[in-house]
Amino acid sequence: MLKKSTLLSLAIAGAWLSPIPQAAVAQDSEAAKHVLDQLNAERETTRLLLEKLKSTDPSVIDVYFALDDAGQRTMVVSKVADNGLIETWEAPADVINTTIAEAEEKAKQDNPEASSGFDWTSAIAPMLGGMLAGYLLSNAFSGAGKSAQMTRDAHERERRMQSSAYSANTATRAQQLRQNPTTNTLNRSASPARPAVGQSQGGTFNSSGARSSGYSLGG
């Protein structure tokens, strides 16, 4: 029989890929409820972000949360490069974590009654999407962060793998949250100082061409 933690991880991964969270998962435990609230908020955030990014650069095809090489939450933006390959850009984790912490704190101040579920998603997603959009529009595919190119099939495989790993990690964090309720739900780690969101770090969102790095994708 699978351990409860394994079942929770599998259920959350399924919820991430489903338009509507599974009722059984939401009722499994308080930890699962926190996970689903977070994934719903993040899914809505990425939907809003994709709309904003595509309105500026139609070559953008995807934006999603992922884990970097150190296991910290980051964000990946994908677009079709001039050569037809899919170019991905991974934002620095410290920027994403700190921005999320700021958005969550402001959402709590502005909407103290919105602590979970749909109300929380409605409160945090537009605010977080707006804050992240400013940064991404100025810095995506620039010198800050990591970029790589791959085929469309490789990109789809990487996307599925990243989403599964991210969802499983979120479930584990939720169990830790249940044991330590003072832990911030959305902010995964302490973050060093960073430039203000929206401040350019050299380059623009519409910059073209691949930049080699040690970040290995696809395959």
N, C-alpha and C. Protein backbone atom coordinates (compact mmCIF):
# COMPACT_ATOMS: atom_id res chain seq x y z
N MET A 1 0.85 -1.20 0.00
CA MET A 1 0.00 0.00 0.00
C MET A 1 0.88 1.24 0.00
N LEU A 2 0.52 2.22 -0.81
CA LEU A 2 1.31 3.44 -0.89
C LEU A 2 1.21 4.22 0.40
N LYS A 3 2.30 4.87 0.77
CA LYS A 3 2.29 5.73 1.94
C LYS A 3 1.40 6.94 1.68
N LYS A 4 0.87 7.51 2.77
CA LYS A 4 -0.03 8.66 2.62
C LYS A 4 0.66 9.81 1.91
N SER A 5 1.97 10.01 2.23
CA SER A 5 2.70 11.11 1.58
C SER A 5 2.80 10.89 0.09
N THR A 6 2.97 9.62 -0.33
CA THR A 6 3.05 9.31 -1.76
C THR A 6 1.72 9.55 -2.44
N LEU A 7 0.64 9.10 -1.77
CA LEU A 7 -0.69 9.34 -2.33
C LEU A 7 -0.98 10.81 -2.48
N LEU A 8 -0.58 11.60 -1.47
CA LEU A 8 -0.81 13.04 -1.53
C LEU A 8 -0.05 13.65 -2.69
N SER A 9 1.21 13.23 -2.87
CA SER A 9 2.01 13.78 -3.97
C SER A 9 1.39 13.45 -5.32
N LEU A 10 0.92 12.20 -5.49
CA LEU A 10 0.30 11.81 -6.75
C LEU A 10 -1.00 12.57 -6.98
N ALA A 11 -1.76 12.75 -5.92
CA ALA A 11 -3.03 13.45 -6.05
C ALA A 11 -2.83 14.90 -6.43
N ILE A 12 -1.83 15.53 -5.81
CA ILE A 12 -1.55 16.93 -6.10
C ILE A 12 -1.04 17.09 -7.53
N ALA A 13 -0.20 16.15 -7.97
CA ALA A 13 0.27 16.20 -9.35
C ALA A 13 -0.91 16.11 -10.31
N GLY A 14 -1.89 15.26 -9.99
CA GLY A 14 -3.07 15.17 -10.82
C GLY A 14 -3.89 16.43 -10.80
N ALA A 15 -3.96 17.06 -9.63
CA ALA A 15 -4.73 18.30 -9.50
C ALA A 15 -4.10 19.41 -10.32
N TRP A 16 -2.76 19.42 -10.40
CA TRP A 16 -2.06 20.46 -11.18
C TRP A 16 -2.43 20.36 -12.66
N LEU A 17 -2.60 19.13 -13.14
CA LEU A 17 -2.88 18.94 -14.55
C LEU A 17 -4.38 19.01 -14.85
N SER A 18 -5.23 19.01 -13.83
CA SER A 18 -6.66 19.03 -14.03
C SER A 18 -7.21 20.44 -13.92
N PRO A 19 -8.20 20.81 -14.75
CA PRO A 19 -8.82 22.14 -14.65
C PRO A 19 -9.47 22.37 -13.31
N ILE A 20 -10.04 21.30 -12.71
CA ILE A 20 -10.73 21.42 -11.43
C ILE A 20 -10.08 20.45 -10.44
N PRO A 21 -9.64 20.94 -9.26
CA PRO A 21 -9.02 20.06 -8.27
C PRO A 21 -9.97 18.94 -7.87
N GLN A 22 -9.42 17.78 -7.58
CA GLN A 22 -10.22 16.64 -7.18
C GLN A 22 -10.73 16.84 -5.76
N ALA A 23 -12.04 16.61 -5.55
CA ALA A 23 -12.65 16.82 -4.24
C ALA A 23 -12.02 15.93 -3.19
N ALA A 24 -11.68 14.70 -3.58
CA ALA A 24 -11.09 13.78 -2.61
C ALA A 24 -9.76 14.29 -2.10
N VAL A 25 -9.00 14.94 -2.99
CA VAL A 25 -7.71 15.49 -2.58
C VAL A 25 -7.91 16.63 -1.59
N ALA A 26 -8.86 17.50 -1.89
CA ALA A 26 -9.09 18.66 -1.03
C ALA A 26 -9.51 18.25 0.37
N GLN A 27 -10.14 17.08 0.48
CA GLN A 27 -10.63 16.62 1.78
C GLN A 27 -9.63 15.72 2.49
N ASP A 28 -8.54 15.39 1.83
CA ASP A 28 -7.60 14.43 2.40
C ASP A 28 -7.01 14.92 3.71
N SER A 29 -6.61 16.18 3.75
CA SER A 29 -6.01 16.74 4.95
C SER A 29 -5.90 18.24 4.80
N GLU A 30 -5.60 18.91 5.90
CA GLU A 30 -5.40 20.36 5.84
C GLU A 30 -4.22 20.70 4.95
N ALA A 31 -3.21 19.81 4.98
CA ALA A 31 -2.04 20.03 4.13
C ALA A 31 -2.43 20.05 2.67
N ALA A 32 -3.27 19.11 2.26
CA ALA A 32 -3.70 19.05 0.86
C ALA A 32 -4.46 20.30 0.48
N LYS A 33 -5.26 20.82 1.40
CA LYS A 33 -6.01 22.03 1.13
C LYS A 33 -5.07 23.20 0.86
N HIS A 34 -4.02 23.31 1.66
CA HIS A 34 -3.03 24.38 1.43
C HIS A 34 -2.38 24.22 0.06
N VAL A 35 -2.06 22.97 -0.30
CA VAL A 35 -1.43 22.73 -1.60
C VAL A 35 -2.35 23.15 -2.74
N LEU A 36 -3.60 22.73 -2.67
CA LEU A 36 -4.53 23.05 -3.75
C LEU A 36 -4.78 24.55 -3.85
N ASP A 37 -4.87 25.22 -2.70
CA ASP A 37 -5.03 26.68 -2.72
C ASP A 37 -3.84 27.33 -3.41
N GLN A 38 -2.65 26.85 -3.08
CA GLN A 38 -1.44 27.42 -3.67
C GLN A 38 -1.38 27.15 -5.17
N LEU A 39 -1.64 25.89 -5.57
CA LEU A 39 -1.56 25.56 -6.99
C LEU A 39 -2.63 26.30 -7.80
N ASN A 40 -3.81 26.47 -7.23
CA ASN A 40 -4.85 27.24 -7.92
C ASN A 40 -4.40 28.68 -8.13
N ALA A 41 -3.83 29.28 -7.07
CA ALA A 41 -3.36 30.66 -7.18
C ALA A 41 -2.24 30.77 -8.21
N GLU A 42 -1.34 29.81 -8.21
CA GLU A 42 -0.22 29.85 -9.15
C GLU A 42 -0.68 29.59 -10.58
N ARG A 43 -1.64 28.70 -10.75
CA ARG A 43 -2.16 28.43 -12.09
C ARG A 43 -2.82 29.68 -12.68
N GLU A 44 -3.61 30.37 -11.84
CA GLU A 44 -4.25 31.59 -12.30
C GLU A 44 -3.20 32.67 -12.58
N THR A 45 -2.16 32.73 -11.76
CA THR A 45 -1.08 33.69 -11.97
C THR A 45 -0.39 33.46 -13.30
N THR A 46 -0.08 32.21 -13.61
CA THR A 46 0.60 31.93 -14.88
C THR A 46 -0.31 32.21 -16.07
N ARG A 47 -1.62 31.99 -15.90
CA ARG A 47 -2.56 32.31 -16.99
C ARG A 47 -2.53 33.81 -17.29
N LEU A 48 -2.58 34.62 -16.23
CA LEU A 48 -2.55 36.06 -16.40
C LEU A 48 -1.21 36.52 -16.97
N LEU A 49 -0.14 35.90 -16.50
CA LEU A 49 1.19 36.26 -16.99
C LEU A 49 1.33 35.94 -18.47
N LEU A 50 0.86 34.78 -18.88
CA LEU A 50 0.99 34.39 -20.29
C LEU A 50 0.26 35.38 -21.18
N GLU A 51 -0.91 35.83 -20.75
CA GLU A 51 -1.65 36.82 -21.53
C GLU A 51 -0.85 38.11 -21.69
N LYS A 52 -0.25 38.57 -20.59
CA LYS A 52 0.52 39.81 -20.63
C LYS A 52 1.76 39.67 -21.51
N LEU A 53 2.45 38.55 -21.37
CA LEU A 53 3.69 38.35 -22.13
C LEU A 53 3.40 38.19 -23.62
N LYS A 54 2.35 37.43 -23.96
CA LYS A 54 2.01 37.23 -25.37
C LYS A 54 1.56 38.52 -26.03
N SER A 55 0.95 39.42 -25.26
CA SER A 55 0.51 40.68 -25.83
C SER A 55 1.71 41.55 -26.22
N THR A 56 2.84 41.31 -25.57
CA THR A 56 4.06 42.05 -25.87
C THR A 56 4.92 41.31 -26.89
N ASP A 57 4.98 40.00 -26.77
CA ASP A 57 5.78 39.18 -27.67
C ASP A 57 4.98 37.93 -28.03
N PRO A 58 4.33 37.89 -29.21
CA PRO A 58 3.49 36.75 -29.61
C PRO A 58 4.24 35.44 -29.72
N SER A 59 5.58 35.47 -29.72
CA SER A 59 6.33 34.22 -29.83
C SER A 59 6.34 33.44 -28.51
N VAL A 60 5.92 34.07 -27.42
CA VAL A 60 5.86 33.39 -26.13
C VAL A 60 4.76 32.35 -26.16
N ILE A 61 5.06 31.13 -25.70
CA ILE A 61 4.07 30.06 -25.74
C ILE A 61 3.76 29.48 -24.37
N ASP A 62 4.58 29.78 -23.36
CA ASP A 62 4.37 29.13 -22.07
C ASP A 62 5.07 29.89 -20.96
N VAL A 63 4.52 29.78 -19.76
CA VAL A 63 5.15 30.30 -18.55
C VAL A 63 4.68 29.43 -17.40
N TYR A 64 5.61 28.98 -16.57
CA TYR A 64 5.22 28.08 -15.48
C TYR A 64 6.24 28.13 -14.34
N PHE A 65 5.77 27.74 -13.15
CA PHE A 65 6.65 27.63 -12.00
C PHE A 65 7.41 26.31 -12.07
N ALA A 66 8.64 26.32 -11.58
CA ALA A 66 9.47 25.11 -11.57
C ALA A 66 10.46 25.21 -10.42
N LEU A 67 11.30 24.19 -10.28
CA LEU A 67 12.35 24.19 -9.28
C LEU A 67 13.69 24.32 -9.99
N ASP A 68 14.58 25.15 -9.44
CA ASP A 68 15.90 25.27 -10.05
C ASP A 68 16.81 24.15 -9.57
N ASP A 69 18.07 24.21 -9.93
CA ASP A 69 19.02 23.15 -9.58
C ASP A 69 19.19 23.00 -8.07
N ALA A 70 18.92 24.07 -7.32
CA ALA A 70 19.05 24.04 -5.86
C ALA A 70 17.74 23.69 -5.17
N GLY A 71 16.70 23.37 -5.95
CA GLY A 71 15.41 23.03 -5.37
C GLY A 71 14.57 24.21 -4.95
N GLN A 72 14.94 25.42 -5.40
CA GLN A 72 14.19 26.62 -5.07
C GLN A 72 13.19 26.93 -6.17
N ARG A 73 12.07 27.52 -5.78
CA ARG A 73 11.05 27.86 -6.78
C ARG A 73 11.53 28.96 -7.70
N THR A 74 11.33 28.74 -8.99
CA THR A 74 11.66 29.74 -9.99
C THR A 74 10.53 29.76 -11.02
N MET A 75 10.71 30.51 -12.06
CA MET A 75 9.71 30.59 -13.12
C MET A 75 10.39 30.45 -14.47
N VAL A 76 9.76 29.70 -15.35
CA VAL A 76 10.31 29.46 -16.69
C VAL A 76 9.39 30.07 -17.73
N VAL A 77 9.97 30.81 -18.66
CA VAL A 77 9.25 31.39 -19.78
C VAL A 77 9.76 30.74 -21.06
N SER A 78 8.86 30.35 -21.95
CA SER A 78 9.25 29.69 -23.21
C SER A 78 8.70 30.47 -24.39
N LYS A 79 9.51 30.53 -25.45
CA LYS A 79 9.05 31.17 -26.68
C LYS A 79 9.66 30.47 -27.88
N VAL A 80 9.10 30.72 -29.04
CA VAL A 80 9.62 30.15 -30.28
C VAL A 80 10.73 31.06 -30.79
N ALA A 81 11.93 30.51 -30.92
CA ALA A 81 13.07 31.28 -31.40
C ALA A 81 13.02 31.44 -32.92
N ASP A 82 13.87 32.31 -33.43
CA ASP A 82 13.89 32.58 -34.87
C ASP A 82 14.21 31.32 -35.68
N ASN A 83 14.98 30.39 -35.10
CA ASN A 83 15.35 29.17 -35.82
C ASN A 83 14.30 28.05 -35.67
N GLY A 84 13.16 28.35 -35.03
CA GLY A 84 12.10 27.37 -34.89
C GLY A 84 12.16 26.54 -33.63
N LEU A 85 13.29 26.58 -32.92
CA LEU A 85 13.41 25.84 -31.67
C LEU A 85 12.69 26.59 -30.55
N ILE A 86 12.46 25.91 -29.43
CA ILE A 86 11.84 26.53 -28.28
C ILE A 86 12.94 27.03 -27.35
N GLU A 87 12.95 28.31 -27.11
CA GLU A 87 13.93 28.90 -26.19
C GLU A 87 13.27 29.10 -24.83
N THR A 88 13.93 28.62 -23.79
CA THR A 88 13.40 28.77 -22.43
C THR A 88 14.32 29.67 -21.63
N TRP A 89 13.72 30.38 -20.70
CA TRP A 89 14.47 31.28 -19.81
C TRP A 89 13.99 31.05 -18.39
N GLU A 90 14.93 30.81 -17.49
CA GLU A 90 14.64 30.54 -16.09
C GLU A 90 15.04 31.74 -15.25
N ALA A 91 14.07 32.31 -14.55
CA ALA A 91 14.33 33.49 -13.72
C ALA A 91 15.12 33.10 -12.47
N PRO A 92 15.92 34.02 -11.92
CA PRO A 92 16.62 33.74 -10.66
C PRO A 92 15.61 33.47 -9.55
N ALA A 93 15.84 32.41 -8.77
CA ALA A 93 14.90 32.00 -7.74
C ALA A 93 14.70 33.08 -6.68
N ASP A 94 15.75 33.82 -6.35
CA ASP A 94 15.60 34.83 -5.29
C ASP A 94 14.61 35.91 -5.69
N VAL A 95 14.57 36.25 -6.96
CA VAL A 95 13.62 37.26 -7.44
C VAL A 95 12.19 36.74 -7.31
N ILE A 96 11.97 35.50 -7.75
CA ILE A 96 10.62 34.93 -7.70
C ILE A 96 10.15 34.78 -6.26
N ASN A 97 10.99 34.23 -5.39
CA ASN A 97 10.60 34.02 -4.00
C ASN A 97 10.29 35.32 -3.29
N THR A 98 11.13 36.32 -3.47
CA THR A 98 10.92 37.58 -2.78
C THR A 98 9.69 38.30 -3.31
N THR A 99 9.47 38.25 -4.62
CA THR A 99 8.29 38.88 -5.20
C THR A 99 7.01 38.21 -4.69
N ILE A 100 7.03 36.89 -4.60
CA ILE A 100 5.86 36.17 -4.09
C ILE A 100 5.60 36.53 -2.63
N ALA A 101 6.66 36.63 -1.85
CA ALA A 101 6.50 36.99 -0.44
C ALA A 101 5.88 38.38 -0.31
N GLU A 102 6.32 39.32 -1.14
CA GLU A 102 5.78 40.67 -1.11
C GLU A 102 4.31 40.69 -1.53
N ALA A 103 3.99 39.94 -2.58
CA ALA A 103 2.61 39.90 -3.06
C ALA A 103 1.70 39.25 -2.02
N GLU A 104 2.17 38.18 -1.40
CA GLU A 104 1.35 37.49 -0.40
C GLU A 104 1.09 38.40 0.81
N GLU A 105 2.10 39.11 1.25
CA GLU A 105 1.93 40.00 2.39
C GLU A 105 0.94 41.12 2.07
N LYS A 106 1.06 41.67 0.87
CA LYS A 106 0.14 42.75 0.49
C LYS A 106 -1.27 42.22 0.32
N ALA A 107 -1.42 41.01 -0.22
CA ALA A 107 -2.75 40.41 -0.38
C ALA A 107 -3.40 40.19 0.97
N LYS A 108 -2.62 39.77 1.96
CA LYS A 108 -3.16 39.55 3.29
C LYS A 108 -3.60 40.86 3.93
N GLN A 109 -2.84 41.92 3.67
CA GLN A 109 -3.20 43.23 4.22
C GLN A 109 -4.45 43.79 3.57
N ASP A 110 -4.54 43.64 2.24
CA ASP A 110 -5.67 44.21 1.50
C ASP A 110 -6.93 43.34 1.61
N ASN A 111 -6.74 42.03 1.80
CA ASN A 111 -7.87 41.11 1.84
C ASN A 111 -7.73 40.16 3.02
N PRO A 112 -7.84 40.65 4.25
CA PRO A 112 -7.62 39.80 5.42
C PRO A 112 -8.59 38.63 5.52
N GLU A 113 -9.76 38.76 4.88
CA GLU A 113 -10.74 37.69 4.94
C GLU A 113 -10.46 36.60 3.93
N ALA A 114 -9.60 36.88 2.95
CA ALA A 114 -9.30 35.91 1.89
C ALA A 114 -8.11 35.07 2.32
N SER A 115 -8.37 34.00 3.03
CA SER A 115 -7.28 33.18 3.58
C SER A 115 -7.10 31.86 2.85
N SER A 116 -8.07 31.46 2.03
CA SER A 116 -7.94 30.17 1.35
C SER A 116 -8.92 30.08 0.20
N GLY A 117 -8.77 29.00 -0.57
CA GLY A 117 -9.72 28.69 -1.62
C GLY A 117 -9.82 29.75 -2.70
N PHE A 118 -11.01 29.88 -3.27
CA PHE A 118 -11.23 30.79 -4.39
C PHE A 118 -10.94 32.23 -4.00
N ASP A 119 -11.33 32.63 -2.78
CA ASP A 119 -11.09 34.00 -2.34
C ASP A 119 -9.60 34.33 -2.34
N TRP A 120 -8.80 33.37 -1.89
CA TRP A 120 -7.35 33.60 -1.84
C TRP A 120 -6.78 33.68 -3.25
N THR A 121 -7.23 32.81 -4.13
CA THR A 121 -6.77 32.85 -5.52
C THR A 121 -7.12 34.19 -6.15
N SER A 122 -8.34 34.67 -5.92
CA SER A 122 -8.78 35.94 -6.49
C SER A 122 -7.97 37.10 -5.94
N ALA A 123 -7.50 36.97 -4.70
CA ALA A 123 -6.75 38.06 -4.07
C ALA A 123 -5.30 38.09 -4.51
N ILE A 124 -4.65 36.91 -4.55
CA ILE A 124 -3.21 36.88 -4.77
C ILE A 124 -2.83 36.85 -6.25
N ALA A 125 -3.60 36.14 -7.08
CA ALA A 125 -3.18 35.93 -8.47
C ALA A 125 -3.01 37.23 -9.27
N PRO A 126 -3.99 38.15 -9.29
CA PRO A 126 -3.81 39.38 -10.07
C PRO A 126 -2.64 40.22 -9.56
N MET A 127 -2.48 40.28 -8.24
CA MET A 127 -1.40 41.07 -7.66
C MET A 127 -0.05 40.46 -8.01
N LEU A 128 0.07 39.16 -7.83
CA LEU A 128 1.32 38.48 -8.13
C LEU A 128 1.62 38.53 -9.61
N GLY A 129 0.60 38.32 -10.43
CA GLY A 129 0.80 38.38 -11.88
C GLY A 129 1.30 39.73 -12.33
N GLY A 130 0.74 40.79 -11.77
CA GLY A 130 1.18 42.13 -12.13
C GLY A 130 2.62 42.41 -11.73
N MET A 131 2.99 41.98 -10.52
CA MET A 131 4.35 42.21 -10.03
C MET A 131 5.37 41.43 -10.84
N LEU A 132 5.04 40.17 -11.14
CA LEU A 132 5.97 39.34 -11.91
C LEU A 132 6.05 39.79 -13.36
N ALA A 133 4.95 40.28 -13.91
CA ALA A 133 4.94 40.71 -15.31
C ALA A 133 5.94 41.85 -15.52
N GLY A 134 5.96 42.79 -14.58
CA GLY A 134 6.89 43.90 -14.71
C GLY A 134 8.33 43.44 -14.78
N TYR A 135 8.66 42.48 -13.94
CA TYR A 135 10.03 41.96 -13.94
C TYR A 135 10.32 41.16 -15.21
N LEU A 136 9.41 40.27 -15.58
CA LEU A 136 9.65 39.42 -16.73
C LEU A 136 9.75 40.21 -18.03
N LEU A 137 8.90 41.22 -18.17
CA LEU A 137 8.93 42.02 -19.40
C LEU A 137 10.26 42.74 -19.55
N SER A 138 10.89 43.09 -18.44
CA SER A 138 12.17 43.81 -18.50
C SER A 138 13.37 42.89 -18.58
N ASN A 139 13.24 41.66 -18.08
CA ASN A 139 14.43 40.84 -17.90
C ASN A 139 14.43 39.49 -18.60
N ALA A 140 13.27 38.99 -19.03
CA ALA A 140 13.25 37.67 -19.66
C ALA A 140 14.14 37.63 -20.89
N PHE A 141 14.89 36.55 -21.02
CA PHE A 141 15.82 36.33 -22.12
C PHE A 141 16.92 37.39 -22.16
N SER A 142 17.21 37.94 -21.00
CA SER A 142 18.32 38.88 -20.89
C SER A 142 19.48 38.18 -20.21
N GLY A 143 20.46 38.94 -19.75
CA GLY A 143 21.63 38.35 -19.12
C GLY A 143 21.34 37.76 -17.75
N ALA A 144 20.24 38.14 -17.11
CA ALA A 144 19.90 37.61 -15.80
C ALA A 144 19.13 36.31 -15.95
N GLY A 145 19.51 35.27 -15.23
CA GLY A 145 18.82 34.00 -15.35
C GLY A 145 19.53 33.08 -16.34
N LYS A 146 18.89 31.97 -16.66
CA LYS A 146 19.48 30.96 -17.54
C LYS A 146 18.59 30.72 -18.75
N SER A 147 19.20 30.48 -19.89
CA SER A 147 18.41 30.21 -21.09
C SER A 147 18.99 29.02 -21.85
N ALA A 148 18.16 28.36 -22.62
CA ALA A 148 18.57 27.22 -23.43
C ALA A 148 17.58 27.06 -24.56
N GLN A 149 17.95 26.27 -25.57
CA GLN A 149 17.06 25.98 -26.69
C GLN A 149 16.89 24.47 -26.83
N MET A 150 15.72 24.05 -27.31
CA MET A 150 15.44 22.64 -27.48
C MET A 150 14.34 22.49 -28.52
N THR A 151 14.11 21.26 -28.96
CA THR A 151 13.01 21.00 -29.88
C THR A 151 11.68 21.12 -29.14
N ARG A 152 10.60 21.20 -29.89
CA ARG A 152 9.27 21.31 -29.27
C ARG A 152 8.94 20.05 -28.45
N ASP A 153 9.28 18.88 -28.97
CA ASP A 153 9.02 17.64 -28.23
C ASP A 153 9.80 17.60 -26.92
N ALA A 154 11.06 18.02 -26.99
CA ALA A 154 11.88 18.04 -25.78
C ALA A 154 11.32 19.03 -24.77
N HIS A 155 10.81 20.15 -25.27
CA HIS A 155 10.21 21.14 -24.39
C HIS A 155 8.98 20.58 -23.69
N GLU A 156 8.14 19.84 -24.42
CA GLU A 156 6.95 19.25 -23.82
C GLU A 156 7.32 18.24 -22.75
N ARG A 157 8.34 17.43 -23.00
CA ARG A 157 8.79 16.46 -22.00
C ARG A 157 9.32 17.17 -20.76
N GLU A 158 10.10 18.20 -20.98
CA GLU A 158 10.67 18.95 -19.86
C GLU A 158 9.57 19.63 -19.05
N ARG A 159 8.59 20.16 -19.74
CA ARG A 159 7.47 20.83 -19.07
C ARG A 159 6.72 19.87 -18.15
N ARG A 160 6.42 18.68 -18.67
CA ARG A 160 5.70 17.69 -17.87
C ARG A 160 6.54 17.24 -16.68
N MET A 161 7.82 17.01 -16.90
CA MET A 161 8.70 16.56 -15.82
C MET A 161 8.82 17.64 -14.74
N GLN A 162 9.00 18.88 -15.17
CA GLN A 162 9.13 19.98 -14.22
C GLN A 162 7.85 20.16 -13.40
N SER A 163 6.70 20.09 -14.05
CA SER A 163 5.42 20.28 -13.36
C SER A 163 5.19 19.17 -12.34
N SER A 164 5.52 17.94 -12.70
CA SER A 164 5.35 16.82 -11.79
C SER A 164 6.25 16.97 -10.57
N ALA A 165 7.51 17.30 -10.81
CA ALA A 165 8.45 17.47 -9.70
C ALA A 165 8.04 18.64 -8.81
N TYR A 166 7.57 19.70 -9.43
CA TYR A 166 7.16 20.88 -8.66
C TYR A 166 5.95 20.57 -7.79
N SER A 167 4.96 19.85 -8.33
CA SER A 167 3.77 19.51 -7.58
C SER A 167 4.10 18.59 -6.41
N ALA A 168 4.97 17.61 -6.64
CA ALA A 168 5.37 16.71 -5.57
C ALA A 168 6.10 17.47 -4.46
N ASN A 169 6.95 18.41 -4.86
CA ASN A 169 7.67 19.22 -3.89
C ASN A 169 6.71 20.08 -3.08
N THR A 170 5.68 20.60 -3.74
CA THR A 170 4.69 21.42 -3.06
C THR A 170 3.95 20.61 -2.01
N ALA A 171 3.65 19.35 -2.33
CA ALA A 171 2.97 18.48 -1.37
C ALA A 171 3.85 18.25 -0.13
N THR A 172 5.15 18.06 -0.37
CA THR A 172 6.06 17.88 0.75
C THR A 172 6.11 19.13 1.61
N ARG A 173 6.14 20.29 0.97
CA ARG A 173 6.16 21.55 1.71
C ARG A 173 4.89 21.72 2.54
N ALA A 174 3.78 21.25 2.00
CA ALA A 174 2.51 21.38 2.71
C ALA A 174 2.52 20.54 3.98
N GLN A 175 3.13 19.36 3.92
CA GLN A 175 3.23 18.53 5.11
C GLN A 175 4.11 19.21 6.16
N GLN A 176 5.16 19.89 5.71
CA GLN A 176 6.00 20.64 6.63
C GLN A 176 5.23 21.81 7.24
N LEU A 177 4.37 22.41 6.41
CA LEU A 177 3.56 23.52 6.88
C LEU A 177 2.61 23.07 7.98
N ARG A 178 2.05 21.88 7.83
CA ARG A 178 1.13 21.37 8.84
C ARG A 178 1.86 21.16 10.17
N GLN A 179 3.13 20.76 10.10
CA GLN A 179 3.92 20.55 11.31
C GLN A 179 4.42 21.86 11.89
N ASN A 180 4.60 22.87 11.02
CA ASN A 180 5.08 24.18 11.46
C ASN A 180 4.19 25.25 10.85
N PRO A 181 3.05 25.58 11.46
CA PRO A 181 2.06 26.49 10.88
C PRO A 181 2.58 27.89 10.63
N THR A 182 3.71 28.28 11.23
CA THR A 182 4.22 29.64 11.03
C THR A 182 4.93 29.79 9.70
N THR A 183 5.18 28.65 9.01
CA THR A 183 5.86 28.70 7.72
C THR A 183 4.98 29.38 6.68
N ASN A 184 5.57 30.27 5.88
CA ASN A 184 4.84 30.94 4.81
C ASN A 184 4.46 29.93 3.73
N THR A 185 3.19 29.91 3.34
CA THR A 185 2.71 28.91 2.39
C THR A 185 3.36 29.07 1.01
N LEU A 186 3.39 30.29 0.50
CA LEU A 186 3.86 30.49 -0.87
C LEU A 186 5.36 30.73 -0.96
N ASN A 187 5.93 31.40 0.04
CA ASN A 187 7.34 31.72 -0.03
C ASN A 187 8.15 30.53 0.44
N ARG A 188 8.91 29.92 -0.46
CA ARG A 188 9.54 28.65 -0.15
C ARG A 188 10.86 28.78 0.59
N SER A 189 11.52 29.88 0.51
CA SER A 189 12.83 29.97 1.13
C SER A 189 13.20 31.40 1.41
N ALA A 190 14.15 31.57 2.32
CA ALA A 190 14.65 32.91 2.59
C ALA A 190 15.38 33.38 1.35
N SER A 191 15.26 34.67 1.05
CA SER A 191 15.83 35.18 -0.20
C SER A 191 16.75 36.35 0.07
N PRO A 192 17.89 36.42 -0.61
CA PRO A 192 18.79 37.55 -0.47
C PRO A 192 18.22 38.78 -1.14
N ALA A 193 18.88 39.90 -0.96
CA ALA A 193 18.40 41.15 -1.55
C ALA A 193 18.37 41.03 -3.06
N ARG A 194 17.49 41.76 -3.69
CA ARG A 194 17.34 41.71 -5.15
C ARG A 194 16.99 43.09 -5.67
N PRO A 195 17.17 43.32 -6.96
CA PRO A 195 16.74 44.60 -7.53
C PRO A 195 15.23 44.69 -7.51
N ALA A 196 14.70 45.90 -7.55
CA ALA A 196 13.26 46.10 -7.53
C ALA A 196 12.61 45.43 -8.72
N VAL A 197 11.43 44.88 -8.51
CA VAL A 197 10.70 44.24 -9.60
C VAL A 197 10.45 45.25 -10.70
N GLY A 198 10.72 44.84 -11.94
CA GLY A 198 10.52 45.74 -13.07
C GLY A 198 11.80 46.43 -13.49
N GLN A 199 12.85 46.33 -12.66
CA GLN A 199 14.12 46.98 -13.00
C GLN A 199 14.88 46.10 -13.99
N SER A 200 15.29 46.68 -15.07
CA SER A 200 16.00 45.93 -16.09
C SER A 200 17.39 45.56 -15.62
N GLN A 201 17.85 44.36 -15.99
CA GLN A 201 19.20 43.92 -15.67
C GLN A 201 20.00 43.70 -16.94
N GLY A 202 19.69 44.46 -17.95
CA GLY A 202 20.46 44.35 -19.18
C GLY A 202 19.75 43.45 -20.17
N GLY A 203 19.16 44.04 -21.19
CA GLY A 203 18.43 43.25 -22.17
C GLY A 203 16.94 43.48 -22.03
N THR A 204 16.20 43.04 -23.04
CA THR A 204 14.76 43.22 -23.00
C THR A 204 14.07 41.90 -23.28
N PHE A 205 12.77 41.87 -23.06
CA PHE A 205 12.00 40.66 -23.24
C PHE A 205 12.05 40.19 -24.68
N ASN A 206 12.16 41.09 -25.62
CA ASN A 206 12.13 40.72 -27.04
C ASN A 206 13.50 40.41 -27.61
N SER A 207 14.52 40.34 -26.73
CA SER A 207 15.85 40.04 -27.26
C SER A 207 15.85 38.65 -27.87
N SER A 208 16.65 38.43 -28.90
CA SER A 208 16.65 37.15 -29.59
C SER A 208 18.01 36.50 -29.49
N GLY A 209 18.05 35.23 -29.85
CA GLY A 209 19.29 34.49 -29.86
C GLY A 209 19.47 33.69 -28.58
N ALA A 210 20.07 32.50 -28.71
CA ALA A 210 20.27 31.65 -27.54
C ALA A 210 21.54 32.05 -26.82
N ARG A 211 21.52 31.88 -25.49
CA ARG A 211 22.71 32.12 -24.68
C ARG A 211 23.06 30.80 -24.02
N SER A 212 24.27 30.34 -24.24
CA SER A 212 24.65 29.04 -23.67
C SER A 212 24.85 29.19 -22.18
N SER A 213 24.56 28.11 -21.45
CA SER A 213 24.75 28.10 -20.01
C SER A 213 24.86 26.64 -19.56
N GLY A 214 25.07 26.46 -18.27
CA GLY A 214 25.17 25.12 -17.74
C GLY A 214 23.81 24.51 -17.48
N TYR A 215 22.75 25.18 -17.83
CA TYR A 215 21.39 24.69 -17.59
C TYR A 215 21.01 23.69 -18.64
N SER A 216 20.84 22.46 -18.30
CA SER A 216 20.55 21.40 -19.25
C SER A 216 19.07 21.11 -19.29
N LEU A 217 18.48 21.17 -20.46
CA LEU A 217 17.07 20.92 -20.64
C LEU A 217 16.85 19.87 -21.71
N GLY A 218 15.61 19.32 -21.69
CA GLY A 218 15.24 18.38 -22.73
C GLY A 218 15.85 17.01 -22.48
N GLY A 219 15.69 16.19 -23.52
CA GLY A 219 16.32 14.94 -23.58
C GLY A 219 15.88 13.83 -22.73
